[in-house]
Amino acid sequence: MATYTAEAMTVAGVALTSRSAASGDKIVPDDNLFLIITNGGGAPINLTVAVPGNNSYGEANPDPVRAIANGATKAVRLLREWADPSDGLIALSWSATTSVTYYVVRG
């Protein structure tokens, strides 16, 4: 498990740090937070964000699932309210991690 903080994109540009997807990855919430995910594997994968708590109807909040096709790169926005109040972090769950990398950025 690793915890990552977003790198700020600037007008002048920034050299981003590539992260390897791993079980238990967590992200520090930020405004305008995005993951740029590359699936270099031979099969599609899913990224699931575990959203804690219940909605106003008392039902469990849905866990957003984002599909990334094999050989594709996809940008995914993460919302601050997806953070778990117990640790203040956004929890990521990958269906597979082999050949999956990502950047954590804020606009």
PDB file of N, CA and C in Angstrom:
ATOM      1  N   MET A   1       0.841  -1.175   0.000  1.00  0.00           N
ATOM      2  CA  MET A   1       0.000   0.000   0.000  1.00  0.00           C
ATOM      3  C   MET A   1       0.882   1.233   0.000  1.00  0.00           C
ATOM      4  N   ALA A   2       0.464   2.209  -0.807  1.00  0.00           N
ATOM      5  CA  ALA A   2       1.165   3.482  -0.840  1.00  0.00           C
ATOM      6  C   ALA A   2       0.142   4.608  -0.834  1.00  0.00           C
ATOM      7  N   THR A   3       0.544   5.740  -0.278  1.00  0.00           N
ATOM      8  CA  THR A   3      -0.304   6.921  -0.268  1.00  0.00           C
ATOM      9  C   THR A   3       0.384   8.000  -1.080  1.00  0.00           C
ATOM     10  N   TYR A   4      -0.360   8.598  -2.019  1.00  0.00           N
ATOM     11  CA  TYR A   4       0.213   9.596  -2.912  1.00  0.00           C
ATOM     12  C   TYR A   4      -0.525  10.918  -2.818  1.00  0.00           C
ATOM     13  N   THR A   5       0.228  11.994  -3.009  1.00  0.00           N
ATOM     14  CA  THR A   5      -0.302  13.348  -3.051  1.00  0.00           C
ATOM     15  C   THR A   5      -0.228  13.840  -4.489  1.00  0.00           C
ATOM     16  N   ALA A   6      -1.220  14.629  -4.910  1.00  0.00           N
ATOM     17  CA  ALA A   6      -1.275  15.128  -6.276  1.00  0.00           C
ATOM     18  C   ALA A   6      -0.115  16.072  -6.575  1.00  0.00           C
ATOM     19  N   GLU A   7       0.356  15.999  -7.811  1.00  0.00           N
ATOM     20  CA  GLU A   7       1.348  16.945  -8.319  1.00  0.00           C
ATOM     21  C   GLU A   7       0.585  18.008  -9.107  1.00  0.00           C
ATOM     22  N   ALA A   8       0.949  19.265  -8.904  1.00  0.00           N
ATOM     23  CA  ALA A   8       0.239  20.370  -9.553  1.00  0.00           C
ATOM     24  C   ALA A   8       0.728  20.566 -10.983  1.00  0.00           C
ATOM     25  N   MET A   9      -0.225  20.614 -11.913  1.00  0.00           N
ATOM     26  CA  MET A   9       0.101  20.964 -13.292  1.00  0.00           C
ATOM     27  C   MET A   9       0.223  22.481 -13.361  1.00  0.00           C
ATOM     28  N   THR A  10       1.204  22.966 -14.104  1.00  0.00           N
ATOM     29  CA  THR A  10       1.424  24.403 -14.217  1.00  0.00           C
ATOM     30  C   THR A  10       1.455  24.820 -15.675  1.00  0.00           C
ATOM     31  N   VAL A  11       1.333  26.103 -15.900  1.00  0.00           N
ATOM     32  CA  VAL A  11       1.405  26.641 -17.260  1.00  0.00           C
ATOM     33  C   VAL A  11       2.770  26.345 -17.875  1.00  0.00           C
ATOM     34  N   ALA A  12       3.812  26.379 -17.062  1.00  0.00           N
ATOM     35  CA  ALA A  12       5.167  26.119 -17.547  1.00  0.00           C
ATOM     36  C   ALA A  12       5.429  24.632 -17.774  1.00  0.00           C
ATOM     37  N   GLY A  13       4.541  23.786 -17.253  1.00  0.00           N
ATOM     38  CA  GLY A  13       4.712  22.339 -17.382  1.00  0.00           C
ATOM     39  C   GLY A  13       5.378  21.763 -16.145  1.00  0.00           C
ATOM     40  N   VAL A  14       5.208  20.473 -15.968  1.00  0.00           N
ATOM     41  CA  VAL A  14       5.790  19.793 -14.814  1.00  0.00           C
ATOM     42  C   VAL A  14       6.131  18.358 -15.224  1.00  0.00           C
ATOM     43  N   ALA A  15       7.242  17.852 -14.716  1.00  0.00           N
ATOM     44  CA  ALA A  15       7.611  16.452 -14.929  1.00  0.00           C
ATOM     45  C   ALA A  15       6.870  15.633 -13.884  1.00  0.00           C
ATOM     46  N   LEU A  16       5.932  14.805 -14.321  1.00  0.00           N
ATOM     47  CA  LEU A  16       5.104  14.023 -13.405  1.00  0.00           C
ATOM     48  C   LEU A  16       5.802  12.724 -13.002  1.00  0.00           C
ATOM     49  N   THR A  17       5.445  12.230 -11.839  1.00  0.00           N
ATOM     50  CA  THR A  17       5.990  10.976 -11.322  1.00  0.00           C
ATOM     51  C   THR A  17       5.014   9.847 -11.620  1.00  0.00           C
ATOM     52  N   SER A  18       5.485   8.842 -12.347  1.00  0.00           N
ATOM     53  CA  SER A  18       4.666   7.686 -12.671  1.00  0.00           C
ATOM     54  C   SER A  18       4.601   6.746 -11.464  1.00  0.00           C
ATOM     55  N   ARG A  19       3.410   6.258 -11.168  1.00  0.00           N
ATOM     56  CA  ARG A  19       3.189   5.328 -10.062  1.00  0.00           C
ATOM     57  C   ARG A  19       2.746   3.976 -10.630  1.00  0.00           C
ATOM     58  N   SER A  20       3.176   2.905 -10.014  1.00  0.00           N
ATOM     59  CA  SER A  20       2.718   1.569 -10.397  1.00  0.00           C
ATOM     60  C   SER A  20       1.519   1.207  -9.528  1.00  0.00           C
ATOM     61  N   ALA A  21       0.442   0.759 -10.161  1.00  0.00           N
ATOM     62  CA  ALA A  21      -0.758   0.376  -9.431  1.00  0.00           C
ATOM     63  C   ALA A  21      -0.433  -0.778  -8.490  1.00  0.00           C
ATOM     64  N   ALA A  22      -0.971  -0.686  -7.269  1.00  0.00           N
ATOM     65  CA  ALA A  22      -0.738  -1.738  -6.278  1.00  0.00           C
ATOM     66  C   ALA A  22      -1.957  -1.847  -5.364  1.00  0.00           C
ATOM     67  N   SER A  23      -2.127  -2.995  -4.791  1.00  0.00           N
ATOM     68  CA  SER A  23      -3.211  -3.216  -3.847  1.00  0.00           C
ATOM     69  C   SER A  23      -3.071  -2.254  -2.673  1.00  0.00           C
ATOM     70  N   GLY A  24      -4.175  -1.605  -2.303  1.00  0.00           N
ATOM     71  CA  GLY A  24      -4.169  -0.719  -1.151  1.00  0.00           C
ATOM     72  C   GLY A  24      -3.735   0.703  -1.421  1.00  0.00           C
ATOM     73  N   ASP A  25      -3.580   1.100  -2.692  1.00  0.00           N
ATOM     74  CA  ASP A  25      -3.202   2.480  -3.003  1.00  0.00           C
ATOM     75  C   ASP A  25      -4.228   3.453  -2.441  1.00  0.00           C
ATOM     76  N   LYS A  26      -3.725   4.577  -1.910  1.00  0.00           N
ATOM     77  CA  LYS A  26      -4.599   5.624  -1.392  1.00  0.00           C
ATOM     78  C   LYS A  26      -4.092   6.976  -1.881  1.00  0.00           C
ATOM     79  N   ILE A  27      -5.038   7.913  -2.014  1.00  0.00           N
ATOM     80  CA  ILE A  27      -4.739   9.236  -2.548  1.00  0.00           C
ATOM     81  C   ILE A  27      -5.188  10.292  -1.545  1.00  0.00           C
ATOM     82  N   VAL A  28      -4.334  11.295  -1.324  1.00  0.00           N
ATOM     83  CA  VAL A  28      -4.708  12.433  -0.479  1.00  0.00           C
ATOM     84  C   VAL A  28      -5.683  13.286  -1.284  1.00  0.00           C
ATOM     85  N   PRO A  29      -6.873  13.587  -0.754  1.00  0.00           N
ATOM     86  CA  PRO A  29      -7.856  14.381  -1.492  1.00  0.00           C
ATOM     87  C   PRO A  29      -7.312  15.774  -1.810  1.00  0.00           C
ATOM     88  N   ASP A  30      -7.783  16.318  -2.922  1.00  0.00           N
ATOM     89  CA  ASP A  30      -7.365  17.641  -3.363  1.00  0.00           C
ATOM     90  C   ASP A  30      -8.438  18.168  -4.294  1.00  0.00           C
ATOM     91  N   ASP A  31      -8.465  19.468  -4.493  1.00  0.00           N
ATOM     92  CA  ASP A  31      -9.391  20.044  -5.468  1.00  0.00           C
ATOM     93  C   ASP A  31      -8.859  19.784  -6.875  1.00  0.00           C
ATOM     94  N   ASN A  32      -9.753  19.539  -7.824  1.00  0.00           N
ATOM     95  CA  ASN A  32      -9.381  19.273  -9.223  1.00  0.00           C
ATOM     96  C   ASN A  32      -8.374  18.123  -9.325  1.00  0.00           C
ATOM     97  N   LEU A  33      -8.686  17.021  -8.671  1.00  0.00           N
ATOM     98  CA  LEU A  33      -7.801  15.864  -8.582  1.00  0.00           C
ATOM     99  C   LEU A  33      -8.115  14.865  -9.693  1.00  0.00           C
ATOM    100  N   PHE A  34      -7.075  14.408 -10.380  1.00  0.00           N
ATOM    101  CA  PHE A  34      -7.223  13.463 -11.483  1.00  0.00           C
ATOM    102  C   PHE A  34      -6.179  12.365 -11.385  1.00  0.00           C
ATOM    103  N   LEU A  35      -6.551  11.188 -11.871  1.00  0.00           N
ATOM    104  CA  LEU A  35      -5.590  10.126 -12.149  1.00  0.00           C
ATOM    105  C   LEU A  35      -5.491  10.017 -13.655  1.00  0.00           C
ATOM    106  N   ILE A  36      -4.292   9.896 -14.171  1.00  0.00           N
ATOM    107  CA  ILE A  36      -4.078   9.594 -15.584  1.00  0.00           C
ATOM    108  C   ILE A  36      -3.515   8.180 -15.594  1.00  0.00           C
ATOM    109  N   ILE A  37      -4.348   7.230 -16.027  1.00  0.00           N
ATOM    110  CA  ILE A  37      -4.057   5.805 -15.890  1.00  0.00           C
ATOM    111  C   ILE A  37      -3.718   5.209 -17.250  1.00  0.00           C
ATOM    112  N   THR A  38      -2.632   4.442 -17.290  1.00  0.00           N
ATOM    113  CA  THR A  38      -2.257   3.713 -18.495  1.00  0.00           C
ATOM    114  C   THR A  38      -2.298   2.227 -18.193  1.00  0.00           C
ATOM    115  N   ASN A  39      -3.087   1.515 -18.978  1.00  0.00           N
ATOM    116  CA  ASN A  39      -3.185   0.061 -18.852  1.00  0.00           C
ATOM    117  C   ASN A  39      -2.349  -0.553 -19.964  1.00  0.00           C
ATOM    118  N   GLY A  40      -1.130  -0.935 -19.637  1.00  0.00           N
ATOM    119  CA  GLY A  40      -0.241  -1.548 -20.619  1.00  0.00           C
ATOM    120  C   GLY A  40      -0.435  -3.045 -20.742  1.00  0.00           C
ATOM    121  N   GLY A  41      -1.416  -3.578 -20.023  1.00  0.00           N
ATOM    122  CA  GLY A  41      -1.665  -5.017 -20.048  1.00  0.00           C
ATOM    123  C   GLY A  41      -2.460  -5.457 -21.266  1.00  0.00           C
ATOM    124  N   GLY A  42      -2.673  -6.748 -21.374  1.00  0.00           N
ATOM    125  CA  GLY A  42      -3.368  -7.322 -22.515  1.00  0.00           C
ATOM    126  C   GLY A  42      -4.867  -7.457 -22.345  1.00  0.00           C
ATOM    127  N   ALA A  43      -5.403  -7.026 -21.205  1.00  0.00           N
ATOM    128  CA  ALA A  43      -6.845  -7.135 -20.950  1.00  0.00           C
ATOM    129  C   ALA A  43      -7.323  -5.849 -20.265  1.00  0.00           C
ATOM    130  N   PRO A  44      -8.612  -5.537 -20.411  1.00  0.00           N
ATOM    131  CA  PRO A  44      -9.148  -4.367 -19.723  1.00  0.00           C
ATOM    132  C   PRO A  44      -9.072  -4.536 -18.206  1.00  0.00           C
ATOM    133  N   ILE A  45      -9.027  -3.417 -17.490  1.00  0.00           N
ATOM    134  CA  ILE A  45      -9.044  -3.445 -16.034  1.00  0.00           C
ATOM    135  C   ILE A  45     -10.113  -2.487 -15.525  1.00  0.00           C
ATOM    136  N   ASN A  46     -10.438  -2.619 -14.256  1.00  0.00           N
ATOM    137  CA  ASN A  46     -11.343  -1.681 -13.589  1.00  0.00           C
ATOM    138  C   ASN A  46     -10.641  -1.051 -12.405  1.00  0.00           C
ATOM    139  N   LEU A  47     -10.887   0.241 -12.238  1.00  0.00           N
ATOM    140  CA  LEU A  47     -10.502   0.960 -11.029  1.00  0.00           C
ATOM    141  C   LEU A  47     -11.786   1.198 -10.247  1.00  0.00           C
ATOM    142  N   THR A  48     -11.806   0.773  -8.996  1.00  0.00           N
ATOM    143  CA  THR A  48     -12.953   1.013  -8.131  1.00  0.00           C
ATOM    144  C   THR A  48     -12.502   1.911  -6.988  1.00  0.00           C
ATOM    145  N   VAL A  49     -13.304   2.937  -6.703  1.00  0.00           N
ATOM    146  CA  VAL A  49     -13.044   3.817  -5.568  1.00  0.00           C
ATOM    147  C   VAL A  49     -14.029   3.452  -4.469  1.00  0.00           C
ATOM    148  N   ALA A  50     -13.502   3.069  -3.320  1.00  0.00           N
ATOM    149  CA  ALA A  50     -14.345   2.679  -2.194  1.00  0.00           C
ATOM    150  C   ALA A  50     -14.839   3.942  -1.489  1.00  0.00           C
ATOM    151  N   VAL A  51     -16.131   4.232  -1.646  1.00  0.00           N
ATOM    152  CA  VAL A  51     -16.727   5.428  -1.032  1.00  0.00           C
ATOM    153  C   VAL A  51     -17.479   5.003   0.221  1.00  0.00           C
ATOM    154  N   PRO A  52     -17.034   5.476   1.391  1.00  0.00           N
ATOM    155  CA  PRO A  52     -17.663   5.055   2.640  1.00  0.00           C
ATOM    156  C   PRO A  52     -18.973   5.796   2.908  1.00  0.00           C
ATOM    157  N   GLY A  53     -19.710   5.288   3.853  1.00  0.00           N
ATOM    158  CA  GLY A  53     -20.891   5.989   4.332  1.00  0.00           C
ATOM    159  C   GLY A  53     -22.158   5.686   3.548  1.00  0.00           C
ATOM    160  N   ASN A  54     -23.212   6.411   3.926  1.00  0.00           N
ATOM    161  CA  ASN A  54     -24.529   6.224   3.327  1.00  0.00           C
ATOM    162  C   ASN A  54     -25.039   7.523   2.731  1.00  0.00           C
ATOM    163  N   ASN A  55     -25.950   7.387   1.762  1.00  0.00           N
ATOM    164  CA  ASN A  55     -26.579   8.570   1.184  1.00  0.00           C
ATOM    165  C   ASN A  55     -27.735   9.027   2.068  1.00  0.00           C
ATOM    166  N   SER A  56     -28.462  10.041   1.625  1.00  0.00           N
ATOM    167  CA  SER A  56     -29.550  10.604   2.437  1.00  0.00           C
ATOM    168  C   SER A  56     -30.714   9.627   2.627  1.00  0.00           C
ATOM    169  N   TYR A  57     -30.762   8.538   1.863  1.00  0.00           N
ATOM    170  CA  TYR A  57     -31.805   7.523   2.008  1.00  0.00           C
ATOM    171  C   TYR A  57     -31.365   6.362   2.898  1.00  0.00           C
ATOM    172  N   GLY A  58     -30.169   6.457   3.460  1.00  0.00           N
ATOM    173  CA  GLY A  58     -29.661   5.409   4.325  1.00  0.00           C
ATOM    174  C   GLY A  58     -29.056   4.236   3.579  1.00  0.00           C
ATOM    175  N   GLU A  59     -28.914   4.369   2.254  1.00  0.00           N
ATOM    176  CA  GLU A  59     -28.304   3.308   1.452  1.00  0.00           C
ATOM    177  C   GLU A  59     -26.804   3.563   1.339  1.00  0.00           C
ATOM    178  N   ALA A  60     -26.044   2.484   1.203  1.00  0.00           N
ATOM    179  CA  ALA A  60     -24.592   2.628   1.053  1.00  0.00           C
ATOM    180  C   ALA A  60     -24.263   3.463  -0.182  1.00  0.00           C
ATOM    181  N   ASN A  61     -23.303   4.377  -0.027  1.00  0.00           N
ATOM    182  CA  ASN A  61     -22.850   5.159  -1.182  1.00  0.00           C
ATOM    183  C   ASN A  61     -22.311   4.214  -2.243  1.00  0.00           C
ATOM    184  N   PRO A  62     -22.574   4.507  -3.512  1.00  0.00           N
ATOM    185  CA  PRO A  62     -22.053   3.643  -4.564  1.00  0.00           C
ATOM    186  C   PRO A  62     -20.542   3.804  -4.706  1.00  0.00           C
ATOM    187  N   ASP A  63     -19.879   2.726  -5.051  1.00  0.00           N
ATOM    188  CA  ASP A  63     -18.447   2.748  -5.320  1.00  0.00           C
ATOM    189  C   ASP A  63     -18.251   2.926  -6.819  1.00  0.00           C
ATOM    190  N   PRO A  64     -17.756   4.089  -7.261  1.00  0.00           N
ATOM    191  CA  PRO A  64     -17.561   4.312  -8.694  1.00  0.00           C
ATOM    192  C   PRO A  64     -16.553   3.328  -9.279  1.00  0.00           C
ATOM    193  N   VAL A  65     -16.885   2.796 -10.441  1.00  0.00           N
ATOM    194  CA  VAL A  65     -16.004   1.873 -11.165  1.00  0.00           C
ATOM    195  C   VAL A  65     -15.694   2.501 -12.517  1.00  0.00           C
ATOM    196  N   ARG A  66     -14.410   2.586 -12.838  1.00  0.00           N
ATOM    197  CA  ARG A  66     -13.977   3.151 -14.116  1.00  0.00           C
ATOM    198  C   ARG A  66     -13.189   2.091 -14.874  1.00  0.00           C
ATOM    199  N   ALA A  67     -13.620   1.797 -16.103  1.00  0.00           N
ATOM    200  CA  ALA A  67     -12.960   0.802 -16.941  1.00  0.00           C
ATOM    201  C   ALA A  67     -11.856   1.460 -17.764  1.00  0.00           C
ATOM    202  N   ILE A  68     -10.723   0.776 -17.857  1.00  0.00           N
ATOM    203  CA  ILE A  68      -9.613   1.233 -18.694  1.00  0.00           C
ATOM    204  C   ILE A  68      -9.277   0.089 -19.640  1.00  0.00           C
ATOM    205  N   ALA A  69      -9.463   0.334 -20.918  1.00  0.00           N
ATOM    206  CA  ALA A  69      -9.227  -0.699 -21.928  1.00  0.00           C
ATOM    207  C   ALA A  69      -7.744  -1.064 -21.992  1.00  0.00           C
ATOM    208  N   ASN A  70      -7.468  -2.283 -22.455  1.00  0.00           N
ATOM    209  CA  ASN A  70      -6.076  -2.692 -22.613  1.00  0.00           C
ATOM    210  C   ASN A  70      -5.399  -1.802 -23.655  1.00  0.00           C
ATOM    211  N   GLY A  71      -4.178  -1.394 -23.349  1.00  0.00           N
ATOM    212  CA  GLY A  71      -3.411  -0.541 -24.238  1.00  0.00           C
ATOM    213  C   GLY A  71      -3.866   0.911 -24.264  1.00  0.00           C
ATOM    214  N   ALA A  72      -4.747   1.301 -23.341  1.00  0.00           N
ATOM    215  CA  ALA A  72      -5.323   2.649 -23.358  1.00  0.00           C
ATOM    216  C   ALA A  72      -4.829   3.477 -22.170  1.00  0.00           C
ATOM    217  N   THR A  73      -4.942   4.790 -22.342  1.00  0.00           N
ATOM    218  CA  THR A  73      -4.698   5.745 -21.257  1.00  0.00           C
ATOM    219  C   THR A  73      -5.980   6.523 -21.047  1.00  0.00           C
ATOM    220  N   LYS A  74      -6.372   6.674 -19.773  1.00  0.00           N
ATOM    221  CA  LYS A  74      -7.635   7.337 -19.451  1.00  0.00           C
ATOM    222  C   LYS A  74      -7.437   8.261 -18.257  1.00  0.00           C
ATOM    223  N   ALA A  75      -8.022   9.450 -18.328  1.00  0.00           N
ATOM    224  CA  ALA A  75      -8.020  10.381 -17.200  1.00  0.00           C
ATOM    225  C   ALA A  75      -9.306  10.185 -16.413  1.00  0.00           C
ATOM    226  N   VAL A  76      -9.175  10.102 -15.093  1.00  0.00           N
ATOM    227  CA  VAL A  76     -10.308   9.879 -14.207  1.00  0.00           C
ATOM    228  C   VAL A  76     -10.270  10.938 -13.103  1.00  0.00           C
ATOM    229  N   ARG A  77     -11.369  11.640 -12.919  1.00  0.00           N
ATOM    230  CA  ARG A  77     -11.446  12.639 -11.853  1.00  0.00           C
ATOM    231  C   ARG A  77     -11.846  11.959 -10.548  1.00  0.00           C
ATOM    232  N   LEU A  78     -11.185  12.356  -9.468  1.00  0.00           N
ATOM    233  CA  LEU A  78     -11.528  11.874  -8.132  1.00  0.00           C
ATOM    234  C   LEU A  78     -12.133  13.033  -7.351  1.00  0.00           C
ATOM    235  N   LEU A  79     -13.192  12.749  -6.614  1.00  0.00           N
ATOM    236  CA  LEU A  79     -13.878  13.785  -5.850  1.00  0.00           C
ATOM    237  C   LEU A  79     -13.435  13.759  -4.392  1.00  0.00           C
ATOM    238  N   ARG A  80     -13.288  14.927  -3.809  1.00  0.00           N
ATOM    239  CA  ARG A  80     -12.856  15.069  -2.418  1.00  0.00           C
ATOM    240  C   ARG A  80     -13.773  14.294  -1.470  1.00  0.00           C
ATOM    241  N   GLU A  81     -15.079  14.297  -1.770  1.00  0.00           N
ATOM    242  CA  GLU A  81     -16.040  13.639  -0.868  1.00  0.00           C
ATOM    243  C   GLU A  81     -15.938  12.117  -0.889  1.00  0.00           C
ATOM    244  N   TRP A  82     -15.101  11.552  -1.747  1.00  0.00           N
ATOM    245  CA  TRP A  82     -14.882  10.119  -1.757  1.00  0.00           C
ATOM    246  C   TRP A  82     -13.891   9.665  -0.683  1.00  0.00           C
ATOM    247  N   ALA A  83     -13.313  10.600   0.057  1.00  0.00           N
ATOM    248  CA  ALA A  83     -12.342  10.251   1.104  1.00  0.00           C
ATOM    249  C   ALA A  83     -13.041   9.580   2.279  1.00  0.00           C
ATOM    250  N   ASP A  84     -12.369   8.626   2.872  1.00  0.00           N
ATOM    251  CA  ASP A  84     -12.872   7.930   4.052  1.00  0.00           C
ATOM    252  C   ASP A  84     -12.595   8.798   5.281  1.00  0.00           C
ATOM    253  N   PRO A  85     -13.627   9.137   6.052  1.00  0.00           N
ATOM    254  CA  PRO A  85     -13.402   9.979   7.226  1.00  0.00           C
ATOM    255  C   PRO A  85     -12.451   9.369   8.259  1.00  0.00           C
ATOM    256  N   SER A  86     -12.317   8.048   8.262  1.00  0.00           N
ATOM    257  CA  SER A  86     -11.468   7.405   9.269  1.00  0.00           C
ATOM    258  C   SER A  86      -9.985   7.709   9.062  1.00  0.00           C
ATOM    259  N   ASP A  87      -9.551   7.878   7.797  1.00  0.00           N
ATOM    260  CA  ASP A  87      -8.144   8.203   7.552  1.00  0.00           C
ATOM    261  C   ASP A  87      -7.969   9.433   6.651  1.00  0.00           C
ATOM    262  N   GLY A  88      -9.078   9.967   6.111  1.00  0.00           N
ATOM    263  CA  GLY A  88      -9.008  11.156   5.276  1.00  0.00           C
ATOM    264  C   GLY A  88      -8.483  10.914   3.872  1.00  0.00           C
ATOM    265  N   LEU A  89      -8.397   9.648   3.437  1.00  0.00           N
ATOM    266  CA  LEU A  89      -7.811   9.303   2.142  1.00  0.00           C
ATOM    267  C   LEU A  89      -8.830   8.658   1.208  1.00  0.00           C
ATOM    268  N   ILE A  90      -8.555   8.735  -0.089  1.00  0.00           N
ATOM    269  CA  ILE A  90      -9.370   8.087  -1.112  1.00  0.00           C
ATOM    270  C   ILE A  90      -8.737   6.731  -1.414  1.00  0.00           C
ATOM    271  N   ALA A  91      -9.494   5.648  -1.204  1.00  0.00           N
ATOM    272  CA  ALA A  91      -8.984   4.286  -1.387  1.00  0.00           C
ATOM    273  C   ALA A  91      -9.260   3.793  -2.805  1.00  0.00           C
ATOM    274  N   LEU A  92      -8.210   3.283  -3.460  1.00  0.00           N
ATOM    275  CA  LEU A  92      -8.321   2.736  -4.811  1.00  0.00           C
ATOM    276  C   LEU A  92      -8.233   1.214  -4.763  1.00  0.00           C
ATOM    277  N   SER A  93      -8.994   0.573  -5.639  1.00  0.00           N
ATOM    278  CA  SER A  93      -8.931  -0.880  -5.772  1.00  0.00           C
ATOM    279  C   SER A  93      -8.836  -1.197  -7.265  1.00  0.00           C
ATOM    280  N   TRP A  94      -7.820  -1.941  -7.629  1.00  0.00           N
ATOM    281  CA  TRP A  94      -7.570  -2.295  -9.034  1.00  0.00           C
ATOM    282  C   TRP A  94      -7.970  -3.740  -9.272  1.00  0.00           C
ATOM    283  N   SER A  95      -8.625  -4.027 -10.410  1.00  0.00           N
ATOM    284  CA  SER A  95      -8.958  -5.412 -10.744  1.00  0.00           C
ATOM    285  C   SER A  95      -7.715  -6.192 -11.159  1.00  0.00           C
ATOM    286  N   ALA A  96      -6.697  -5.490 -11.639  1.00  0.00           N
ATOM    287  CA  ALA A  96      -5.394  -6.065 -11.969  1.00  0.00           C
ATOM    288  C   ALA A  96      -4.380  -4.935 -11.892  1.00  0.00           C
ATOM    289  N   THR A  97      -3.137  -5.270 -11.575  1.00  0.00           N
ATOM    290  CA  THR A  97      -2.117  -4.230 -11.442  1.00  0.00           C
ATOM    291  C   THR A  97      -0.940  -4.412 -12.389  1.00  0.00           C
ATOM    292  N   THR A  98      -0.842  -5.557 -13.030  1.00  0.00           N
ATOM    293  CA  THR A  98       0.280  -5.815 -13.923  1.00  0.00           C
ATOM    294  C   THR A  98       0.252  -4.848 -15.100  1.00  0.00           C
ATOM    295  N   SER A  99       1.341  -4.147 -15.308  1.00  0.00           N
ATOM    296  CA  SER A  99       1.515  -3.192 -16.415  1.00  0.00           C
ATOM    297  C   SER A  99       0.559  -2.002 -16.327  1.00  0.00           C
ATOM    298  N   VAL A 100       0.073  -1.677 -15.120  1.00  0.00           N
ATOM    299  CA  VAL A 100      -0.801  -0.529 -14.929  1.00  0.00           C
ATOM    300  C   VAL A 100      -0.036   0.547 -14.167  1.00  0.00           C
ATOM    301  N   THR A 101       0.053   1.731 -14.765  1.00  0.00           N
ATOM    302  CA  THR A 101       0.718   2.865 -14.134  1.00  0.00           C
ATOM    303  C   THR A 101      -0.226   4.053 -14.131  1.00  0.00           C
ATOM    304  N   TYR A 102       0.061   5.020 -13.261  1.00  0.00           N
ATOM    305  CA  TYR A 102      -0.785   6.199 -13.221  1.00  0.00           C
ATOM    306  C   TYR A 102      -0.034   7.396 -12.655  1.00  0.00           C
ATOM    307  N   TYR A 103      -0.568   8.567 -12.964  1.00  0.00           N
ATOM    308  CA  TYR A 103      -0.089   9.825 -12.412  1.00  0.00           C
ATOM    309  C   TYR A 103      -1.214  10.390 -11.540  1.00  0.00           C
ATOM    310  N   VAL A 104      -0.841  11.059 -10.459  1.00  0.00           N
ATOM    311  CA  VAL A 104      -1.803  11.742  -9.588  1.00  0.00           C
ATOM    312  C   VAL A 104      -1.564  13.238  -9.767  1.00  0.00           C
ATOM    313  N   VAL A 105      -2.535  13.927 -10.361  1.00  0.00           N
ATOM    314  CA  VAL A 105      -2.332  15.344 -10.677  1.00  0.00           C
ATOM    315  C   VAL A 105      -3.539  16.175 -10.244  1.00  0.00           C
ATOM    316  N   ARG A 106      -3.284  17.459 -10.091  1.00  0.00           N
ATOM    317  CA  ARG A 106      -4.380  18.409  -9.874  1.00  0.00           C
ATOM    318  C   ARG A 106      -4.207  19.517 -10.886  1.00  0.00           C
ATOM    319  N   GLY A 107      -5.348  19.976 -11.378  1.00  0.00           N
ATOM    320  CA  GLY A 107      -5.347  21.011 -12.411  1.00  0.00           C
ATOM    321  C   GLY A 107      -5.252  22.387 -11.852  1.00  0.00           C
TER     322      GLY A 107
END
